[in-house]
């Protein structure tokens, strides 16, 4: 709720705090959300390497949004070495979900 400001005022730091709690318990959507927060600097410092790490965790569970976002990171070379072939494979995997 803190991420979108629904029912409470938007608070990036609280959103990151609670997303991390859920992400550490293995919840793929929270892992993907935390990756997005690191990518955008929402409630945390921008850190592309951390973003990629959290996207990887969610993608390993087949979470489509994380597969796409991880593909974008490989396509742009943010937080990882640029790899268009890997990006395409991730997009394809997301499409099959």
N, C-alpha and C. Protein backbone atom coordinates (compact mmCIF):
# COMPACT_ATOMS: atom_id res chain seq x y z
N UNK A 1 0.81 -1.20 0.00
CA UNK A 1 0.00 0.00 0.00
C UNK A 1 0.86 1.27 0.00
N UNK A 2 2.01 1.18 0.67
CA UNK A 2 2.90 2.34 0.69
C UNK A 2 3.48 2.64 -0.69
N UNK A 3 3.59 1.62 -1.54
CA UNK A 3 4.15 1.81 -2.88
C UNK A 3 3.27 2.72 -3.72
N UNK A 4 1.97 2.52 -3.64
CA UNK A 4 1.04 3.29 -4.47
C UNK A 4 0.27 4.35 -3.70
N UNK A 5 0.44 4.39 -2.38
CA UNK A 5 -0.28 5.37 -1.58
C UNK A 5 -1.77 5.06 -1.47
N UNK A 6 -2.10 3.79 -1.41
CA UNK A 6 -3.51 3.38 -1.29
C UNK A 6 -3.83 3.11 0.17
N UNK A 7 -4.72 3.92 0.74
CA UNK A 7 -5.10 3.77 2.14
C UNK A 7 -4.14 4.42 3.10
N UNK A 8 -2.96 4.73 2.62
CA UNK A 8 -1.93 5.43 3.40
C UNK A 8 -1.23 6.40 2.46
N UNK A 9 -0.53 7.33 3.03
CA UNK A 9 0.25 8.25 2.19
C UNK A 9 1.45 7.51 1.60
N UNK A 10 1.76 7.80 0.34
CA UNK A 10 2.94 7.18 -0.29
C UNK A 10 4.16 7.40 0.59
N UNK A 11 4.93 6.33 0.79
CA UNK A 11 6.14 6.42 1.59
C UNK A 11 7.13 5.38 1.03
N UNK A 12 8.08 5.85 0.24
CA UNK A 12 9.04 4.97 -0.40
C UNK A 12 9.87 4.15 0.58
N UNK A 13 10.26 4.77 1.69
CA UNK A 13 11.07 4.04 2.67
C UNK A 13 10.27 2.92 3.34
N UNK A 14 9.03 3.20 3.67
CA UNK A 14 8.18 2.15 4.25
C UNK A 14 7.89 1.06 3.22
N UNK A 15 7.67 1.48 1.99
CA UNK A 15 7.42 0.50 0.92
C UNK A 15 8.62 -0.42 0.77
N UNK A 16 9.82 0.13 0.78
CA UNK A 16 11.03 -0.67 0.66
C UNK A 16 11.20 -1.58 1.87
N UNK A 17 10.94 -1.07 3.05
CA UNK A 17 11.06 -1.86 4.28
C UNK A 17 10.16 -3.09 4.23
N UNK A 18 8.89 -2.87 3.93
CA UNK A 18 7.93 -3.99 3.93
C UNK A 18 8.13 -4.91 2.73
N UNK A 19 8.52 -4.35 1.61
CA UNK A 19 8.81 -5.18 0.44
C UNK A 19 9.99 -6.11 0.72
N UNK A 20 11.01 -5.58 1.38
CA UNK A 20 12.17 -6.40 1.74
C UNK A 20 11.76 -7.54 2.67
N UNK A 21 10.92 -7.25 3.64
CA UNK A 21 10.46 -8.29 4.58
C UNK A 21 9.81 -9.43 3.80
N UNK A 22 8.92 -9.08 2.88
CA UNK A 22 8.24 -10.11 2.08
C UNK A 22 9.19 -10.78 1.10
N UNK A 23 10.08 -10.01 0.50
CA UNK A 23 11.04 -10.55 -0.48
C UNK A 23 11.96 -11.57 0.17
N UNK A 24 12.39 -11.28 1.38
CA UNK A 24 13.28 -12.20 2.09
C UNK A 24 12.58 -13.51 2.46
N UNK A 25 11.26 -13.50 2.45
CA UNK A 25 10.49 -14.72 2.70
C UNK A 25 10.21 -15.48 1.42
N UNK A 26 10.74 -14.98 0.30
CA UNK A 26 10.62 -15.69 -0.97
C UNK A 26 9.41 -15.34 -1.81
N UNK A 27 8.72 -14.27 -1.51
CA UNK A 27 7.54 -13.88 -2.27
C UNK A 27 8.00 -13.16 -3.55
N UNK A 28 7.73 -13.81 -4.68
CA UNK A 28 8.25 -13.35 -5.98
C UNK A 28 7.81 -11.92 -6.31
N UNK A 29 6.56 -11.59 -6.08
CA UNK A 29 6.09 -10.24 -6.41
C UNK A 29 6.83 -9.19 -5.59
N UNK A 30 7.08 -9.49 -4.33
CA UNK A 30 7.82 -8.55 -3.48
C UNK A 30 9.27 -8.44 -3.94
N UNK A 31 9.86 -9.55 -4.36
CA UNK A 31 11.24 -9.53 -4.88
C UNK A 31 11.32 -8.65 -6.12
N UNK A 32 10.34 -8.81 -7.00
CA UNK A 32 10.30 -8.00 -8.22
C UNK A 32 10.09 -6.53 -7.88
N UNK A 33 9.19 -6.25 -6.95
CA UNK A 33 8.94 -4.86 -6.53
C UNK A 33 10.19 -4.24 -5.93
N UNK A 34 10.92 -5.02 -5.13
CA UNK A 34 12.14 -4.50 -4.52
C UNK A 34 13.19 -4.23 -5.60
N UNK A 35 13.25 -5.09 -6.60
CA UNK A 35 14.15 -4.84 -7.72
C UNK A 35 13.82 -3.52 -8.40
N UNK A 36 12.53 -3.29 -8.59
CA UNK A 36 12.08 -2.04 -9.22
C UNK A 36 12.45 -0.83 -8.36
N UNK A 37 12.34 -0.98 -7.05
CA UNK A 37 12.69 0.13 -6.16
C UNK A 37 14.17 0.46 -6.26
N UNK A 38 15.02 -0.57 -6.33
CA UNK A 38 16.45 -0.32 -6.50
C UNK A 38 16.74 0.28 -7.87
N UNK A 39 16.01 -0.15 -8.87
CA UNK A 39 16.22 0.40 -10.22
C UNK A 39 15.86 1.88 -10.28
N UNK A 40 14.81 2.27 -9.59
CA UNK A 40 14.30 3.64 -9.65
C UNK A 40 14.74 4.54 -8.49
N UNK A 41 15.30 3.92 -7.44
CA UNK A 41 15.68 4.72 -6.27
C UNK A 41 14.48 5.12 -5.44
N UNK A 42 13.52 4.22 -5.31
CA UNK A 42 12.31 4.50 -4.53
C UNK A 42 12.49 3.96 -3.11
N UNK A 43 12.77 4.84 -2.18
CA UNK A 43 12.94 4.44 -0.78
C UNK A 43 14.30 3.86 -0.48
N UNK A 44 15.11 3.67 -1.51
CA UNK A 44 16.49 3.16 -1.39
C UNK A 44 17.33 3.90 -2.43
N UNK A 45 18.64 3.82 -2.28
CA UNK A 45 19.54 4.41 -3.28
C UNK A 45 19.46 3.58 -4.56
N UNK A 46 19.57 4.22 -5.70
CA UNK A 46 19.63 3.49 -6.96
C UNK A 46 20.82 2.55 -6.92
N UNK A 47 20.56 1.28 -7.22
CA UNK A 47 21.61 0.27 -7.21
C UNK A 47 21.20 -0.81 -8.21
N UNK A 48 21.73 -0.71 -9.42
CA UNK A 48 21.35 -1.64 -10.48
C UNK A 48 21.75 -3.08 -10.18
N UNK A 49 22.86 -3.26 -9.48
CA UNK A 49 23.30 -4.62 -9.15
C UNK A 49 22.28 -5.26 -8.19
N UNK A 50 21.82 -4.50 -7.21
CA UNK A 50 20.79 -5.02 -6.29
C UNK A 50 19.48 -5.27 -7.04
N UNK A 51 19.14 -4.37 -7.95
CA UNK A 51 17.92 -4.55 -8.74
C UNK A 51 17.97 -5.88 -9.49
N UNK A 52 19.09 -6.13 -10.15
CA UNK A 52 19.27 -7.37 -10.90
C UNK A 52 19.17 -8.58 -9.98
N UNK A 53 19.79 -8.49 -8.81
CA UNK A 53 19.77 -9.61 -7.87
C UNK A 53 18.34 -9.96 -7.46
N UNK A 54 17.54 -8.95 -7.17
CA UNK A 54 16.15 -9.21 -6.76
C UNK A 54 15.31 -9.67 -7.94
N UNK A 55 15.53 -9.10 -9.12
CA UNK A 55 14.83 -9.59 -10.30
C UNK A 55 15.16 -11.06 -10.57
N UNK A 56 16.41 -11.44 -10.38
CA UNK A 56 16.83 -12.83 -10.58
C UNK A 56 16.06 -13.77 -9.65
N UNK A 57 15.92 -13.38 -8.39
CA UNK A 57 15.21 -14.22 -7.42
C UNK A 57 13.76 -14.43 -7.85
N UNK A 58 13.10 -13.37 -8.27
CA UNK A 58 11.70 -13.48 -8.70
C UNK A 58 11.59 -14.21 -10.03
N UNK A 59 12.52 -13.96 -10.93
CA UNK A 59 12.51 -14.62 -12.24
C UNK A 59 12.72 -16.13 -12.08
N UNK A 60 13.53 -16.53 -11.12
CA UNK A 60 13.77 -17.96 -10.87
C UNK A 60 12.48 -18.68 -10.48
N UNK A 61 11.51 -17.92 -9.99
CA UNK A 61 10.21 -18.48 -9.63
C UNK A 61 9.21 -18.36 -10.79
N UNK A 62 9.69 -17.85 -11.93
CA UNK A 62 8.83 -17.73 -13.10
C UNK A 62 7.94 -16.51 -13.10
N UNK A 63 8.23 -15.51 -12.28
CA UNK A 63 7.40 -14.31 -12.20
C UNK A 63 7.63 -13.46 -13.45
N UNK A 64 6.60 -13.38 -14.30
CA UNK A 64 6.73 -12.76 -15.62
C UNK A 64 7.25 -11.33 -15.60
N UNK A 65 6.74 -10.53 -14.71
CA UNK A 65 7.17 -9.12 -14.65
C UNK A 65 8.67 -9.04 -14.35
N UNK A 66 9.17 -9.92 -13.49
CA UNK A 66 10.59 -9.93 -13.18
C UNK A 66 11.41 -10.41 -14.37
N UNK A 67 10.89 -11.39 -15.10
CA UNK A 67 11.58 -11.87 -16.30
C UNK A 67 11.75 -10.73 -17.30
N UNK A 68 10.70 -9.96 -17.50
CA UNK A 68 10.75 -8.83 -18.43
C UNK A 68 11.72 -7.76 -17.93
N UNK A 69 11.61 -7.40 -16.65
CA UNK A 69 12.49 -6.37 -16.10
C UNK A 69 13.94 -6.81 -16.11
N UNK A 70 14.19 -8.08 -15.84
CA UNK A 70 15.55 -8.60 -15.90
C UNK A 70 16.06 -8.54 -17.35
N UNK A 71 15.19 -8.87 -18.29
CA UNK A 71 15.55 -8.74 -19.70
C UNK A 71 15.93 -7.32 -20.06
N UNK A 72 15.19 -6.35 -19.54
CA UNK A 72 15.51 -4.95 -19.80
C UNK A 72 16.87 -4.57 -19.23
N UNK A 73 17.21 -5.13 -18.08
CA UNK A 73 18.52 -4.84 -17.48
C UNK A 73 19.63 -5.41 -18.36
N UNK A 74 19.43 -6.64 -18.86
CA UNK A 74 20.43 -7.22 -19.76
C UNK A 74 20.50 -6.46 -21.08
N UNK A 75 19.36 -6.00 -21.55
CA UNK A 75 19.34 -5.26 -22.81
C UNK A 75 20.08 -3.93 -22.69
N UNK A 76 19.93 -3.28 -21.54
CA UNK A 76 20.56 -1.97 -21.34
C UNK A 76 21.97 -2.06 -20.77
N UNK A 77 22.30 -3.20 -20.17
CA UNK A 77 23.60 -3.34 -19.53
C UNK A 77 23.68 -2.65 -18.18
N UNK A 78 22.54 -2.47 -17.53
CA UNK A 78 22.51 -1.83 -16.21
C UNK A 78 22.56 -2.92 -15.14
N UNK A 79 23.64 -2.91 -14.35
CA UNK A 79 23.79 -3.87 -13.27
C UNK A 79 24.35 -5.21 -13.71
N UNK A 80 24.45 -5.42 -15.02
CA UNK A 80 24.99 -6.65 -15.60
C UNK A 80 25.69 -6.27 -16.90
N UNK A 81 26.48 -7.20 -17.40
CA UNK A 81 27.08 -6.99 -18.71
C UNK A 81 25.98 -7.08 -19.76
N UNK A 82 25.97 -6.15 -20.69
CA UNK A 82 24.96 -6.13 -21.74
C UNK A 82 24.97 -7.45 -22.51
N UNK A 83 23.79 -8.04 -22.67
CA UNK A 83 23.68 -9.33 -23.34
C UNK A 83 22.30 -9.43 -23.99
N UNK A 84 22.23 -9.05 -25.25
CA UNK A 84 20.96 -9.05 -25.99
C UNK A 84 20.39 -10.46 -26.12
N UNK A 85 21.25 -11.45 -26.30
CA UNK A 85 20.79 -12.83 -26.41
C UNK A 85 20.09 -13.27 -25.13
N UNK A 86 20.67 -12.95 -23.99
CA UNK A 86 20.08 -13.28 -22.69
C UNK A 86 18.76 -12.53 -22.52
N UNK A 87 18.73 -11.26 -22.92
CA UNK A 87 17.51 -10.46 -22.81
C UNK A 87 16.39 -11.11 -23.62
N UNK A 88 16.68 -11.51 -24.84
CA UNK A 88 15.66 -12.14 -25.69
C UNK A 88 15.15 -13.43 -25.08
N UNK A 89 16.06 -14.22 -24.50
CA UNK A 89 15.67 -15.48 -23.86
C UNK A 89 14.73 -15.22 -22.68
N UNK A 90 15.00 -14.17 -21.92
CA UNK A 90 14.14 -13.82 -20.79
C UNK A 90 12.77 -13.35 -21.27
N UNK A 91 12.74 -12.54 -22.33
CA UNK A 91 11.47 -12.08 -22.89
C UNK A 91 10.65 -13.28 -23.38
N UNK A 92 11.32 -14.20 -24.03
CA UNK A 92 10.64 -15.40 -24.54
C UNK A 92 10.07 -16.22 -23.39
N UNK A 93 10.85 -16.37 -22.34
CA UNK A 93 10.40 -17.12 -21.17
C UNK A 93 9.17 -16.45 -20.54
N UNK A 94 9.18 -15.12 -20.47
CA UNK A 94 8.04 -14.38 -19.92
C UNK A 94 6.80 -14.56 -20.77
N UNK A 95 6.99 -14.57 -22.07
CA UNK A 95 5.87 -14.72 -23.01
C UNK A 95 5.20 -16.09 -22.85
N UNK A 96 5.99 -17.11 -22.52
CA UNK A 96 5.46 -18.46 -22.39
C UNK A 96 4.70 -18.66 -21.08
N UNK A 97 4.75 -17.71 -20.20
CA UNK A 97 4.07 -17.83 -18.90
C UNK A 97 2.63 -17.45 -18.99
